[in-house]
């Protein structure tokens, strides 16, 4: 400890150890933040996959009481646009036929009678 040259070398090494310790602490906090972000992204991914499965199920099992899909399909990233499926109609779902009203027939008139009408 009496040698001046070795004393300065030890001081430099001490300073570098302190700087290295500070850098390690910063890296440790950054790694913890990255792990939290990774866990959050995993939760979001599982929720998105669950929602996608539910949407696919709904697409494949459209209830018969809903209106039929239109010709244009909305673009979905993972679901390909398919032709509209035929929906099985219930027997009671038919619309009642309109009542037919008989048309009253008019008597034929002659040209003279037509021209005499005011």
PDB file of N, CA and C in Angstrom:
ATOM      1  N   UNK A   1       0.783  -1.182   0.000  1.00  0.00           N
ATOM      2  CA  UNK A   1       0.000   0.000   0.000  1.00  0.00           C
ATOM      3  C   UNK A   1       0.838   1.265   0.000  1.00  0.00           C
ATOM      4  N   UNK A   2       2.206   1.129   0.127  1.00  0.00           N
ATOM      5  CA  UNK A   2       3.035   2.325   0.152  1.00  0.00           C
ATOM      6  C   UNK A   2       3.457   2.743  -1.247  1.00  0.00           C
ATOM      7  N   UNK A   3       3.398   1.814  -2.177  1.00  0.00           N
ATOM      8  CA  UNK A   3       3.829   2.118  -3.534  1.00  0.00           C
ATOM      9  C   UNK A   3       2.750   2.966  -4.234  1.00  0.00           C
ATOM     10  N   UNK A   4       3.142   4.148  -4.713  1.00  0.00           N
ATOM     11  CA  UNK A   4       2.213   5.088  -5.324  1.00  0.00           C
ATOM     12  C   UNK A   4       1.623   4.526  -6.629  1.00  0.00           C
ATOM     13  N   UNK A   5       2.423   3.850  -7.430  1.00  0.00           N
ATOM     14  CA  UNK A   5       1.949   3.306  -8.711  1.00  0.00           C
ATOM     15  C   UNK A   5       0.840   2.284  -8.483  1.00  0.00           C
ATOM     16  N   UNK A   6       1.056   1.392  -7.527  1.00  0.00           N
ATOM     17  CA  UNK A   6       0.049   0.366  -7.252  1.00  0.00           C
ATOM     18  C   UNK A   6      -1.201   0.971  -6.620  1.00  0.00           C
ATOM     19  N   UNK A   7      -1.022   2.017  -5.866  1.00  0.00           N
ATOM     20  CA  UNK A   7      -2.154   2.686  -5.225  1.00  0.00           C
ATOM     21  C   UNK A   7      -3.094   3.273  -6.282  1.00  0.00           C
ATOM     22  N   UNK A   8      -2.564   3.931  -7.326  1.00  0.00           N
ATOM     23  CA  UNK A   8      -3.409   4.501  -8.388  1.00  0.00           C
ATOM     24  C   UNK A   8      -4.080   3.398  -9.202  1.00  0.00           C
ATOM     25  N   UNK A   9      -3.375   2.290  -9.428  1.00  0.00           N
ATOM     26  CA  UNK A   9      -3.965   1.166 -10.158  1.00  0.00           C
ATOM     27  C   UNK A   9      -5.140   0.600  -9.373  1.00  0.00           C
ATOM     28  N   UNK A  10      -4.979   0.445  -8.063  1.00  0.00           N
ATOM     29  CA  UNK A  10      -6.059  -0.055  -7.221  1.00  0.00           C
ATOM     30  C   UNK A  10      -7.252   0.903  -7.204  1.00  0.00           C
ATOM     31  N   UNK A  11      -6.987   2.211  -7.223  1.00  0.00           N
ATOM     32  CA  UNK A  11      -8.070   3.198  -7.244  1.00  0.00           C
ATOM     33  C   UNK A  11      -8.841   3.101  -8.577  1.00  0.00           C
ATOM     34  N   UNK A  12      -8.076   2.958  -9.687  1.00  0.00           N
ATOM     35  CA  UNK A  12      -8.733   2.822 -10.993  1.00  0.00           C
ATOM     36  C   UNK A  12      -9.576   1.550 -11.025  1.00  0.00           C
ATOM     37  N   UNK A  13      -9.033   0.459 -10.512  1.00  0.00           N
ATOM     38  CA  UNK A  13      -9.780  -0.804 -10.484  1.00  0.00           C
ATOM     39  C   UNK A  13     -11.028  -0.648  -9.614  1.00  0.00           C
ATOM     40  N   UNK A  14     -10.906   0.037  -8.485  1.00  0.00           N
ATOM     41  CA  UNK A  14     -12.047   0.265  -7.588  1.00  0.00           C
ATOM     42  C   UNK A  14     -13.142   1.065  -8.283  1.00  0.00           C
ATOM     43  N   UNK A  15     -12.741   2.114  -9.029  1.00  0.00           N
ATOM     44  CA  UNK A  15     -13.709   2.932  -9.752  1.00  0.00           C
ATOM     45  C   UNK A  15     -14.423   2.095 -10.838  1.00  0.00           C
ATOM     46  N   UNK A  16     -13.664   1.271 -11.538  1.00  0.00           N
ATOM     47  CA  UNK A  16     -14.258   0.433 -12.571  1.00  0.00           C
ATOM     48  C   UNK A  16     -15.198  -0.616 -11.968  1.00  0.00           C
ATOM     49  N   UNK A  17     -14.873  -1.134 -10.795  1.00  0.00           N
ATOM     50  CA  UNK A  17     -15.749  -2.088 -10.110  1.00  0.00           C
ATOM     51  C   UNK A  17     -17.064  -1.396  -9.735  1.00  0.00           C
ATOM     52  N   UNK A  18     -16.981  -0.153  -9.242  1.00  0.00           N
ATOM     53  CA  UNK A  18     -18.191   0.599  -8.884  1.00  0.00           C
ATOM     54  C   UNK A  18     -19.048   0.851 -10.129  1.00  0.00           C
ATOM     55  N   UNK A  19     -18.414   1.276 -11.239  1.00  0.00           N
ATOM     56  CA  UNK A  19     -19.135   1.507 -12.488  1.00  0.00           C
ATOM     57  C   UNK A  19     -19.774   0.211 -13.005  1.00  0.00           C
ATOM     58  N   UNK A  20     -19.038  -0.889 -12.908  1.00  0.00           N
ATOM     59  CA  UNK A  20     -19.567  -2.184 -13.345  1.00  0.00           C
ATOM     60  C   UNK A  20     -20.761  -2.593 -12.491  1.00  0.00           C
ATOM     61  N   UNK A  21     -20.683  -2.330 -11.183  1.00  0.00           N
ATOM     62  CA  UNK A  21     -21.775  -2.652 -10.271  1.00  0.00           C
ATOM     63  C   UNK A  21     -23.025  -1.829 -10.629  1.00  0.00           C
ATOM     64  N   UNK A  22     -22.838  -0.553 -10.931  1.00  0.00           N
ATOM     65  CA  UNK A  22     -23.963   0.300 -11.322  1.00  0.00           C
ATOM     66  C   UNK A  22     -24.583  -0.190 -12.644  1.00  0.00           C
ATOM     67  N   UNK A  23     -23.735  -0.558 -13.596  1.00  0.00           N
ATOM     68  CA  UNK A  23     -24.243  -1.078 -14.866  1.00  0.00           C
ATOM     69  C   UNK A  23     -25.011  -2.383 -14.672  1.00  0.00           C
ATOM     70  N   UNK A  24     -24.515  -3.234 -13.793  1.00  0.00           N
ATOM     71  CA  UNK A  24     -25.219  -4.488 -13.511  1.00  0.00           C
ATOM     72  C   UNK A  24     -26.587  -4.218 -12.878  1.00  0.00           C
ATOM     73  N   UNK A  25     -26.652  -3.232 -11.992  1.00  0.00           N
ATOM     74  CA  UNK A  25     -27.939  -2.877 -11.376  1.00  0.00           C
ATOM     75  C   UNK A  25     -28.923  -2.372 -12.432  1.00  0.00           C
ATOM     76  N   UNK A  26     -28.430  -1.522 -13.361  1.00  0.00           N
ATOM     77  CA  UNK A  26     -29.290  -1.017 -14.438  1.00  0.00           C
ATOM     78  C   UNK A  26     -29.765  -2.160 -15.334  1.00  0.00           C
ATOM     79  N   UNK A  27     -28.854  -3.081 -15.632  1.00  0.00           N
ATOM     80  CA  UNK A  27     -29.227  -4.224 -16.464  1.00  0.00           C
ATOM     81  C   UNK A  27     -30.257  -5.095 -15.754  1.00  0.00           C
ATOM     82  N   UNK A  28     -30.102  -5.268 -14.461  1.00  0.00           N
ATOM     83  CA  UNK A  28     -31.044  -6.079 -13.695  1.00  0.00           C
ATOM     84  C   UNK A  28     -32.447  -5.468 -13.718  1.00  0.00           C
ATOM     85  N   UNK A  29     -32.554  -4.153 -13.559  1.00  0.00           N
ATOM     86  CA  UNK A  29     -33.867  -3.509 -13.624  1.00  0.00           C
ATOM     87  C   UNK A  29     -34.453  -3.617 -15.035  1.00  0.00           C
ATOM     88  N   UNK A  30     -33.598  -3.487 -16.039  1.00  0.00           N
ATOM     89  CA  UNK A  30     -34.075  -3.611 -17.426  1.00  0.00           C
ATOM     90  C   UNK A  30     -34.576  -5.025 -17.700  1.00  0.00           C
ATOM     91  N   UNK A  31     -33.875  -6.036 -17.204  1.00  0.00           N
ATOM     92  CA  UNK A  31     -34.288  -7.429 -17.387  1.00  0.00           C
ATOM     93  C   UNK A  31     -35.629  -7.672 -16.688  1.00  0.00           C
ATOM     94  N   UNK A  32     -35.825  -7.110 -15.508  1.00  0.00           N
ATOM     95  CA  UNK A  32     -37.095  -7.270 -14.790  1.00  0.00           C
ATOM     96  C   UNK A  32     -38.235  -6.626 -15.582  1.00  0.00           C
ATOM     97  N   UNK A  33     -37.987  -5.454 -16.150  1.00  0.00           N
ATOM     98  CA  UNK A  33     -39.010  -4.800 -16.958  1.00  0.00           C
ATOM     99  C   UNK A  33     -39.336  -5.633 -18.194  1.00  0.00           C
ATOM    100  N   UNK A  34     -38.315  -6.192 -18.811  1.00  0.00           N
ATOM    101  CA  UNK A  34     -38.534  -7.023 -19.997  1.00  0.00           C
ATOM    102  C   UNK A  34     -39.336  -8.288 -19.648  1.00  0.00           C
ATOM    103  N   UNK A  35     -39.072  -8.870 -18.481  1.00  0.00           N
ATOM    104  CA  UNK A  35     -39.820 -10.050 -18.056  1.00  0.00           C
ATOM    105  C   UNK A  35     -41.285  -9.702 -17.811  1.00  0.00           C
ATOM    106  N   UNK A  36     -41.538  -8.533 -17.187  1.00  0.00           N
ATOM    107  CA  UNK A  36     -42.918  -8.097 -16.966  1.00  0.00           C
ATOM    108  C   UNK A  36     -43.620  -7.898 -18.304  1.00  0.00           C
ATOM    109  N   UNK A  37     -42.930  -7.278 -19.244  1.00  0.00           N
ATOM    110  CA  UNK A  37     -43.495  -7.050 -20.573  1.00  0.00           C
ATOM    111  C   UNK A  37     -43.773  -8.371 -21.285  1.00  0.00           C
ATOM    112  N   UNK A  38     -42.847  -9.313 -21.152  1.00  0.00           N
ATOM    113  CA  UNK A  38     -43.025 -10.631 -21.775  1.00  0.00           C
ATOM    114  C   UNK A  38     -44.254 -11.334 -21.203  1.00  0.00           C
ATOM    115  N   UNK A  39     -44.427 -11.282 -19.879  1.00  0.00           N
ATOM    116  CA  UNK A  39     -45.588 -11.917 -19.249  1.00  0.00           C
ATOM    117  C   UNK A  39     -46.887 -11.247 -19.688  1.00  0.00           C
ATOM    118  N   UNK A  40     -46.868  -9.929 -19.795  1.00  0.00           N
ATOM    119  CA  UNK A  40     -48.042  -9.199 -20.248  1.00  0.00           C
ATOM    120  C   UNK A  40     -48.385  -9.567 -21.692  1.00  0.00           C
ATOM    121  N   UNK A  41     -47.374  -9.666 -22.546  1.00  0.00           N
ATOM    122  CA  UNK A  41     -47.598 -10.039 -23.940  1.00  0.00           C
ATOM    123  C   UNK A  41     -48.130 -11.469 -24.064  1.00  0.00           C
ATOM    124  N   UNK A  42     -47.684 -12.367 -23.180  1.00  0.00           N
ATOM    125  CA  UNK A  42     -48.204 -13.730 -23.198  1.00  0.00           C
ATOM    126  C   UNK A  42     -49.686 -13.736 -22.844  1.00  0.00           C
ATOM    127  N   UNK A  43     -50.074 -12.923 -21.854  1.00  0.00           N
ATOM    128  CA  UNK A  43     -51.483 -12.843 -21.474  1.00  0.00           C
ATOM    129  C   UNK A  43     -52.314 -12.295 -22.628  1.00  0.00           C
ATOM    130  N   UNK A  44     -51.784 -11.276 -23.301  1.00  0.00           N
ATOM    131  CA  UNK A  44     -52.498 -10.686 -24.436  1.00  0.00           C
ATOM    132  C   UNK A  44     -52.616 -11.708 -25.562  1.00  0.00           C
ATOM    133  N   UNK A  45     -51.563 -12.464 -25.799  1.00  0.00           N
ATOM    134  CA  UNK A  45     -51.586 -13.467 -26.861  1.00  0.00           C
ATOM    135  C   UNK A  45     -52.612 -14.557 -26.566  1.00  0.00           C
ATOM    136  N   UNK A  46     -52.674 -15.043 -25.328  1.00  0.00           N
ATOM    137  CA  UNK A  46     -53.654 -16.077 -24.994  1.00  0.00           C
ATOM    138  C   UNK A  46     -55.077 -15.531 -25.112  1.00  0.00           C
ATOM    139  N   UNK A  47     -55.277 -14.273 -24.714  1.00  0.00           N
ATOM    140  CA  UNK A  47     -56.610 -13.670 -24.852  1.00  0.00           C
ATOM    141  C   UNK A  47     -56.981 -13.525 -26.317  1.00  0.00           C
ATOM    142  N   UNK A  48     -56.022 -13.126 -27.152  1.00  0.00           N
ATOM    143  CA  UNK A  48     -56.293 -12.973 -28.584  1.00  0.00           C
ATOM    144  C   UNK A  48     -56.592 -14.331 -29.222  1.00  0.00           C
ATOM    145  N   UNK A  49     -55.869 -15.375 -28.838  1.00  0.00           N
ATOM    146  CA  UNK A  49     -56.125 -16.708 -29.378  1.00  0.00           C
ATOM    147  C   UNK A  49     -57.503 -17.214 -28.960  1.00  0.00           C
ATOM    148  N   UNK A  50     -57.871 -16.942 -27.700  1.00  0.00           N
ATOM    149  CA  UNK A  50     -59.187 -17.343 -27.215  1.00  0.00           C
ATOM    150  C   UNK A  50     -60.288 -16.615 -27.999  1.00  0.00           C
ATOM    151  N   UNK A  51     -60.104 -15.308 -28.204  1.00  0.00           N
ATOM    152  CA  UNK A  51     -61.081 -14.525 -28.968  1.00  0.00           C
ATOM    153  C   UNK A  51     -61.162 -15.008 -30.414  1.00  0.00           C
ATOM    154  N   UNK A  52     -60.024 -15.379 -30.985  1.00  0.00           N
ATOM    155  CA  UNK A  52     -60.016 -15.866 -32.366  1.00  0.00           C
ATOM    156  C   UNK A  52     -60.773 -17.188 -32.463  1.00  0.00           C
ATOM    157  N   UNK A  53     -60.566 -18.086 -31.504  1.00  0.00           N
ATOM    158  CA  UNK A  53     -61.286 -19.362 -31.516  1.00  0.00           C
ATOM    159  C   UNK A  53     -62.790 -19.132 -31.370  1.00  0.00           C
ATOM    160  N   UNK A  54     -63.155 -18.198 -30.504  1.00  0.00           N
ATOM    161  CA  UNK A  54     -64.568 -17.897 -30.308  1.00  0.00           C
ATOM    162  C   UNK A  54     -65.182 -17.306 -31.578  1.00  0.00           C
ATOM    163  N   UNK A  55     -64.447 -16.421 -32.232  1.00  0.00           N
ATOM    164  CA  UNK A  55     -64.940 -15.828 -33.477  1.00  0.00           C
ATOM    165  C   UNK A  55     -65.077 -16.880 -34.565  1.00  0.00           C
ATOM    166  N   UNK A  56     -64.127 -17.793 -34.651  1.00  0.00           N
ATOM    167  CA  UNK A  56     -64.189 -18.867 -35.643  1.00  0.00           C
ATOM    168  C   UNK A  56     -65.395 -19.759 -35.368  1.00  0.00           C
ATOM    169  N   UNK A  57     -65.628 -20.063 -34.099  1.00  0.00           N
ATOM    170  CA  UNK A  57     -66.780 -20.887 -33.731  1.00  0.00           C
ATOM    171  C   UNK A  57     -68.086 -20.187 -34.116  1.00  0.00           C
ATOM    172  N   UNK A  58     -68.166 -18.883 -33.839  1.00  0.00           N
ATOM    173  CA  UNK A  58     -69.365 -18.134 -34.193  1.00  0.00           C
ATOM    174  C   UNK A  58     -69.562 -18.076 -35.705  1.00  0.00           C
ATOM    175  N   UNK A  59     -68.463 -17.951 -36.428  1.00  0.00           N
ATOM    176  CA  UNK A  59     -68.543 -17.917 -37.886  1.00  0.00           C
ATOM    177  C   UNK A  59     -69.061 -19.238 -38.439  1.00  0.00           C
ATOM    178  N   UNK A  60     -68.630 -20.330 -37.849  1.00  0.00           N
ATOM    179  CA  UNK A  60     -69.028 -21.645 -38.327  1.00  0.00           C
ATOM    180  C   UNK A  60     -70.429 -22.049 -37.862  1.00  0.00           C
ATOM    181  N   UNK A  61     -70.900 -21.454 -36.784  1.00  0.00           N
ATOM    182  CA  UNK A  61     -72.191 -21.839 -36.211  1.00  0.00           C
ATOM    183  C   UNK A  61     -73.107 -20.616 -36.103  1.00  0.00           C
ATOM    184  N   UNK A  62     -73.480 -20.067 -37.227  1.00  0.00           N
ATOM    185  CA  UNK A  62     -74.372 -18.917 -37.246  1.00  0.00           C
ATOM    186  C   UNK A  62     -75.784 -19.408 -36.950  1.00  0.00           C
ATOM    187  N   UNK A  63     -76.470 -18.813 -35.956  1.00  0.00           N
ATOM    188  CA  UNK A  63     -77.834 -19.244 -35.650  1.00  0.00           C
ATOM    189  C   UNK A  63     -78.771 -18.989 -36.829  1.00  0.00           C
ATOM    190  N   UNK A  64     -79.785 -19.838 -37.015  1.00  0.00           N
ATOM    191  CA  UNK A  64     -80.663 -19.702 -38.177  1.00  0.00           C
ATOM    192  C   UNK A  64     -81.552 -18.460 -38.130  1.00  0.00           C
ATOM    193  N   UNK A  65     -81.779 -17.884 -36.952  1.00  0.00           N
ATOM    194  CA  UNK A  65     -82.665 -16.721 -36.878  1.00  0.00           C
ATOM    195  C   UNK A  65     -81.975 -15.417 -37.263  1.00  0.00           C
ATOM    196  N   UNK A  66     -80.660 -15.448 -37.449  1.00  0.00           N
ATOM    197  CA  UNK A  66     -79.948 -14.246 -37.874  1.00  0.00           C
ATOM    198  C   UNK A  66     -80.047 -14.088 -39.386  1.00  0.00           C
ATOM    199  N   UNK A  67     -79.930 -12.852 -39.886  1.00  0.00           N
ATOM    200  CA  UNK A  67     -79.995 -12.668 -41.338  1.00  0.00           C
ATOM    201  C   UNK A  67     -78.814 -13.342 -42.019  1.00  0.00           C
ATOM    202  N   UNK A  68     -79.046 -13.707 -43.275  1.00  0.00           N
ATOM    203  CA  UNK A  68     -77.989 -14.396 -44.027  1.00  0.00           C
ATOM    204  C   UNK A  68     -76.858 -13.417 -44.321  1.00  0.00           C
ATOM    205  N   UNK A  69     -75.611 -13.918 -44.407  1.00  0.00           N
ATOM    206  CA  UNK A  69     -74.484 -13.023 -44.696  1.00  0.00           C
ATOM    207  C   UNK A  69     -74.573 -12.453 -46.100  1.00  0.00           C
ATOM    208  N   UNK A  70     -74.004 -11.271 -46.264  1.00  0.00           N
ATOM    209  CA  UNK A  70     -73.997 -10.623 -47.572  1.00  0.00           C
ATOM    210  C   UNK A  70     -72.903 -11.217 -48.436  1.00  0.00           C
ATOM    211  N   UNK A  71     -72.867 -10.819 -49.714  1.00  0.00           N
ATOM    212  CA  UNK A  71     -71.867 -11.357 -50.634  1.00  0.00           C
ATOM    213  C   UNK A  71     -70.458 -10.892 -50.284  1.00  0.00           C
ATOM    214  N   UNK A  72     -70.334  -9.674 -49.782  1.00  0.00           N
ATOM    215  CA  UNK A  72     -68.997  -9.176 -49.449  1.00  0.00           C
ATOM    216  C   UNK A  72     -68.667  -9.587 -48.028  1.00  0.00           C
ATOM    217  N   UNK A  73     -67.525 -10.205 -47.862  1.00  0.00           N
ATOM    218  CA  UNK A  73     -67.085 -10.638 -46.542  1.00  0.00           C
ATOM    219  C   UNK A  73     -66.070  -9.648 -46.011  1.00  0.00           C
ATOM    220  N   UNK A  74     -66.104  -9.435 -44.700  1.00  0.00           N
ATOM    221  CA  UNK A  74     -65.123  -8.570 -44.071  1.00  0.00           C
ATOM    222  C   UNK A  74     -63.799  -9.328 -44.015  1.00  0.00           C
ATOM    223  N   UNK A  75     -62.679  -8.690 -44.361  1.00  0.00           N
ATOM    224  CA  UNK A  75     -61.400  -9.404 -44.295  1.00  0.00           C
ATOM    225  C   UNK A  75     -60.980  -9.631 -42.855  1.00  0.00           C
ATOM    226  N   UNK A  76     -60.739 -10.889 -42.522  1.00  0.00           N
ATOM    227  CA  UNK A  76     -60.248 -11.269 -41.204  1.00  0.00           C
ATOM    228  C   UNK A  76     -58.864 -11.853 -41.422  1.00  0.00           C
ATOM    229  N   UNK A  77     -57.870 -11.441 -40.617  1.00  0.00           N
ATOM    230  CA  UNK A  77     -56.492 -11.850 -40.881  1.00  0.00           C
ATOM    231  C   UNK A  77     -56.279 -13.357 -41.009  1.00  0.00           C
ATOM    232  N   UNK A  78     -56.925 -14.169 -40.154  1.00  0.00           N
ATOM    233  CA  UNK A  78     -56.635 -15.598 -40.193  1.00  0.00           C
ATOM    234  C   UNK A  78     -57.771 -16.422 -40.763  1.00  0.00           C
ATOM    235  N   UNK A  79     -58.932 -15.817 -40.992  1.00  0.00           N
ATOM    236  CA  UNK A  79     -60.069 -16.557 -41.502  1.00  0.00           C
ATOM    237  C   UNK A  79     -60.258 -16.199 -42.968  1.00  0.00           C
ATOM    238  N   UNK A  80     -60.284 -17.207 -43.826  1.00  0.00           N
ATOM    239  CA  UNK A  80     -60.476 -16.955 -45.252  1.00  0.00           C
ATOM    240  C   UNK A  80     -61.951 -16.750 -45.524  1.00  0.00           C
ATOM    241  N   UNK A  81     -62.226 -15.898 -46.488  1.00  0.00           N
ATOM    242  CA  UNK A  81     -63.610 -15.611 -46.878  1.00  0.00           C
ATOM    243  C   UNK A  81     -64.169 -16.804 -47.634  1.00  0.00           C
ATOM    244  N   UNK A  82     -65.281 -17.314 -47.180  1.00  0.00           N
ATOM    245  CA  UNK A  82     -65.897 -18.470 -47.823  1.00  0.00           C
ATOM    246  C   UNK A  82     -67.233 -18.041 -48.400  1.00  0.00           C
ATOM    247  N   UNK A  83     -67.760 -18.871 -49.259  1.00  0.00           N
ATOM    248  CA  UNK A  83     -69.092 -18.601 -49.779  1.00  0.00           C
ATOM    249  C   UNK A  83     -70.074 -18.740 -48.628  1.00  0.00           C
ATOM    250  N   UNK A  84     -71.147 -17.952 -48.666  1.00  0.00           N
ATOM    251  CA  UNK A  84     -72.121 -18.053 -47.577  1.00  0.00           C
ATOM    252  C   UNK A  84     -72.692 -19.464 -47.485  1.00  0.00           C
ATOM    253  N   UNK A  85     -72.769 -19.958 -46.267  1.00  0.00           N
ATOM    254  CA  UNK A  85     -73.302 -21.301 -46.062  1.00  0.00           C
ATOM    255  C   UNK A  85     -74.820 -21.246 -46.116  1.00  0.00           C
ATOM    256  N   UNK A  86     -75.403 -22.338 -46.562  1.00  0.00           N
ATOM    257  CA  UNK A  86     -76.852 -22.413 -46.598  1.00  0.00           C
ATOM    258  C   UNK A  86     -77.340 -22.682 -45.181  1.00  0.00           C
ATOM    259  N   UNK A  87     -78.280 -21.875 -44.775  1.00  0.00           N
ATOM    260  CA  UNK A  87     -78.815 -22.002 -43.433  1.00  0.00           C
ATOM    261  C   UNK A  87     -80.053 -22.894 -43.492  1.00  0.00           C
ATOM    262  N   UNK A  88     -80.117 -23.850 -42.588  1.00  0.00           N
ATOM    263  CA  UNK A  88     -81.262 -24.745 -42.541  1.00  0.00           C
ATOM    264  C   UNK A  88     -82.412 -23.971 -41.912  1.00  0.00           C
ATOM    265  N   UNK A  89     -83.516 -23.881 -42.642  1.00  0.00           N
ATOM    266  CA  UNK A  89     -84.664 -23.141 -42.145  1.00  0.00           C
ATOM    267  C   UNK A  89     -85.592 -24.082 -41.388  1.00  0.00           C
ATOM    268  N   UNK A  90     -86.188 -23.561 -40.347  1.00  0.00           N
ATOM    269  CA  UNK A  90     -87.152 -24.337 -39.580  1.00  0.00           C
ATOM    270  C   UNK A  90     -88.476 -24.378 -40.338  1.00  0.00           C
ATOM    271  N   UNK A  91     -89.295 -25.362 -40.044  1.00  0.00           N
ATOM    272  CA  UNK A  91     -90.579 -25.484 -40.714  1.00  0.00           C
ATOM    273  C   UNK A  91     -91.485 -24.298 -40.391  1.00  0.00           C
ATOM    274  N   UNK A  92     -91.375 -23.786 -39.188  1.00  0.00           N
ATOM    275  CA  UNK A  92     -92.230 -22.677 -38.768  1.00  0.00           C
ATOM    276  C   UNK A  92     -91.702 -21.327 -39.225  1.00  0.00           C
ATOM    277  N   UNK A  93     -90.541 -21.280 -39.833  1.00  0.00           N
ATOM    278  CA  UNK A  93     -89.924 -20.022 -40.209  1.00  0.00           C
ATOM    279  C   UNK A  93     -90.463 -19.465 -41.523  1.00  0.00           C
ATOM    280  N   UNK A  94     -91.327 -20.212 -42.232  1.00  0.00           N
ATOM    281  CA  UNK A  94     -91.841 -19.741 -43.510  1.00  0.00           C
ATOM    282  C   UNK A  94     -92.789 -18.568 -43.279  1.00  0.00           C
ATOM    283  N   UNK A  95     -92.735 -17.611 -44.205  1.00  0.00           N
ATOM    284  CA  UNK A  95     -93.630 -16.462 -44.126  1.00  0.00           C
ATOM    285  C   UNK A  95     -95.011 -16.887 -44.623  1.00  0.00           C
ATOM    286  N   UNK A  96     -96.065 -16.373 -43.994  1.00  0.00           N
ATOM    287  CA  UNK A  96     -97.396 -16.734 -44.476  1.00  0.00           C
ATOM    288  C   UNK A  96     -97.639 -16.117 -45.851  1.00  0.00           C
ATOM    289  N   UNK A  97     -98.329 -16.843 -46.706  1.00  0.00           N
ATOM    290  CA  UNK A  97     -98.608 -16.361 -48.057  1.00  0.00           C
ATOM    291  C   UNK A  97     -99.572 -15.185 -47.987  1.00  0.00           C
ATOM    292  N   UNK A  98     -99.391 -14.241 -48.900  1.00  0.00           N
ATOM    293  CA  UNK A  98    -100.272 -13.079 -48.941  1.00  0.00           C
ATOM    294  C   UNK A  98    -101.650 -13.513 -49.412  1.00  0.00           C
ATOM    295  N   UNK A  99    -102.638 -12.853 -48.843  1.00  0.00           N
ATOM    296  CA  UNK A  99    -104.002 -13.173 -49.243  1.00  0.00           C
ATOM    297  C   UNK A  99    -104.255 -12.614 -50.639  1.00  0.00           C
ATOM    298  N   UNK A 100    -104.852 -13.411 -51.488  1.00  0.00           N
ATOM    299  CA  UNK A 100    -105.166 -12.941 -52.838  1.00  0.00           C
ATOM    300  C   UNK A 100    -106.553 -12.320 -52.829  1.00  0.00           C
ATOM    301  N   UNK A 101    -106.639 -11.105 -53.338  1.00  0.00           N
ATOM    302  CA  UNK A 101    -107.911 -10.405 -53.408  1.00  0.00           C
ATOM    303  C   UNK A 101    -108.432 -10.525 -54.843  1.00  0.00           C
ATOM    304  N   UNK A 102    -109.659 -10.912 -54.990  1.00  0.00           N
ATOM    305  CA  UNK A 102    -110.197 -11.017 -56.350  1.00  0.00           C
ATOM    306  C   UNK A 102    -110.356  -9.626 -56.966  1.00  0.00           C
ATOM    307  N   UNK A 103    -110.011  -9.510 -58.230  1.00  0.00           N
ATOM    308  CA  UNK A 103    -110.138  -8.247 -58.953  1.00  0.00           C
ATOM    309  C   UNK A 103    -111.529  -8.181 -59.545  1.00  0.00           C
ATOM    310  N   UNK A 104    -112.217  -7.076 -59.247  1.00  0.00           N
ATOM    311  CA  UNK A 104    -113.570  -6.917 -59.776  1.00  0.00           C
ATOM    312  C   UNK A 104    -113.481  -6.593 -61.259  1.00  0.00           C
ATOM    313  N   UNK A 105    -114.299  -7.243 -62.014  1.00  0.00           N
ATOM    314  CA  UNK A 105    -114.302  -7.011 -63.454  1.00  0.00           C
ATOM    315  C   UNK A 105    -115.299  -5.896 -63.783  1.00  0.00           C
ATOM    316  N   UNK A 106    -114.867  -5.013 -64.674  1.00  0.00           N
ATOM    317  CA  UNK A 106    -115.751  -3.932 -65.127  1.00  0.00           C
ATOM    318  C   UNK A 106    -116.425  -4.353 -66.418  1.00  0.00           C
ATOM    319  N   UNK A 107    -117.627  -3.856 -66.588  1.00  0.00           N
ATOM    320  CA  UNK A 107    -118.354  -4.181 -67.813  1.00  0.00           C
ATOM    321  C   UNK A 107    -117.715  -3.460 -68.986  1.00  0.00           C
ATOM    322  N   UNK A 108    -117.716  -4.078 -70.121  1.00  0.00           N
ATOM    323  CA  UNK A 108    -117.128  -3.465 -71.298  1.00  0.00           C
ATOM    324  C   UNK A 108    -118.008  -2.313 -71.772  1.00  0.00           C
ATOM    325  N   UNK A 109    -117.331  -1.235 -72.207  1.00  0.00           N
ATOM    326  CA  UNK A 109    -118.075  -0.095 -72.721  1.00  0.00           C
ATOM    327  C   UNK A 109    -117.647   0.167 -74.160  1.00  0.00           C
ATOM    328  N   UNK A 110    -118.489   0.786 -74.880  1.00  0.00           N
ATOM    329  CA  UNK A 110    -118.178   1.081 -76.277  1.00  0.00           C
ATOM    330  C   UNK A 110    -117.432   2.392 -76.372  1.00  0.00           C
ATOM    331  N   UNK A 111    -116.900   2.685 -77.538  1.00  0.00           N
ATOM    332  CA  UNK A 111    -116.160   3.912 -77.779  1.00  0.00           C
ATOM    333  C   UNK A 111    -117.061   5.124 -77.596  1.00  0.00           C
ATOM    334  N   UNK A 112    -118.264   5.011 -78.021  1.00  0.00           N
ATOM    335  CA  UNK A 112    -119.214   6.117 -77.888  1.00  0.00           C
ATOM    336  C   UNK A 112    -119.496   6.422 -76.421  1.00  0.00           C
ATOM    337  N   UNK A 113    -119.637   5.369 -75.632  1.00  0.00           N
ATOM    338  CA  UNK A 113    -119.899   5.570 -74.207  1.00  0.00           C
ATOM    339  C   UNK A 113    -118.675   6.197 -73.522  1.00  0.00           C
ATOM    340  N   UNK A 114    -117.504   5.774 -73.962  1.00  0.00           N
ATOM    341  CA  UNK A 114    -116.249   6.307 -73.384  1.00  0.00           C
ATOM    342  C   UNK A 114    -116.107   7.788 -73.696  1.00  0.00           C
ATOM    343  N   UNK A 115    -116.395   8.190 -74.922  1.00  0.00           N
ATOM    344  CA  UNK A 115    -116.274   9.590 -75.335  1.00  0.00           C
ATOM    345  C   UNK A 115    -117.332  10.464 -74.672  1.00  0.00           C
ATOM    346  N   UNK A 116    -118.422   9.890 -74.288  1.00  0.00           N
ATOM    347  CA  UNK A 116    -119.476  10.679 -73.654  1.00  0.00           C
ATOM    348  C   UNK A 116    -119.193  10.927 -72.169  1.00  0.00           C
ATOM    349  N   UNK A 117    -118.181  10.284 -71.607  1.00  0.00           N
ATOM    350  CA  UNK A 117    -117.841  10.494 -70.202  1.00  0.00           C
ATOM    351  C   UNK A 117    -117.212  11.860 -70.046  1.00  0.00           C
ATOM    352  N   UNK A 118    -117.719  12.724 -69.107  1.00  0.00           N
ATOM    353  CA  UNK A 118    -117.174  14.080 -68.960  1.00  0.00           C
ATOM    354  C   UNK A 118    -115.761  14.073 -68.382  1.00  0.00           C
TER     355      UNK A 118
END
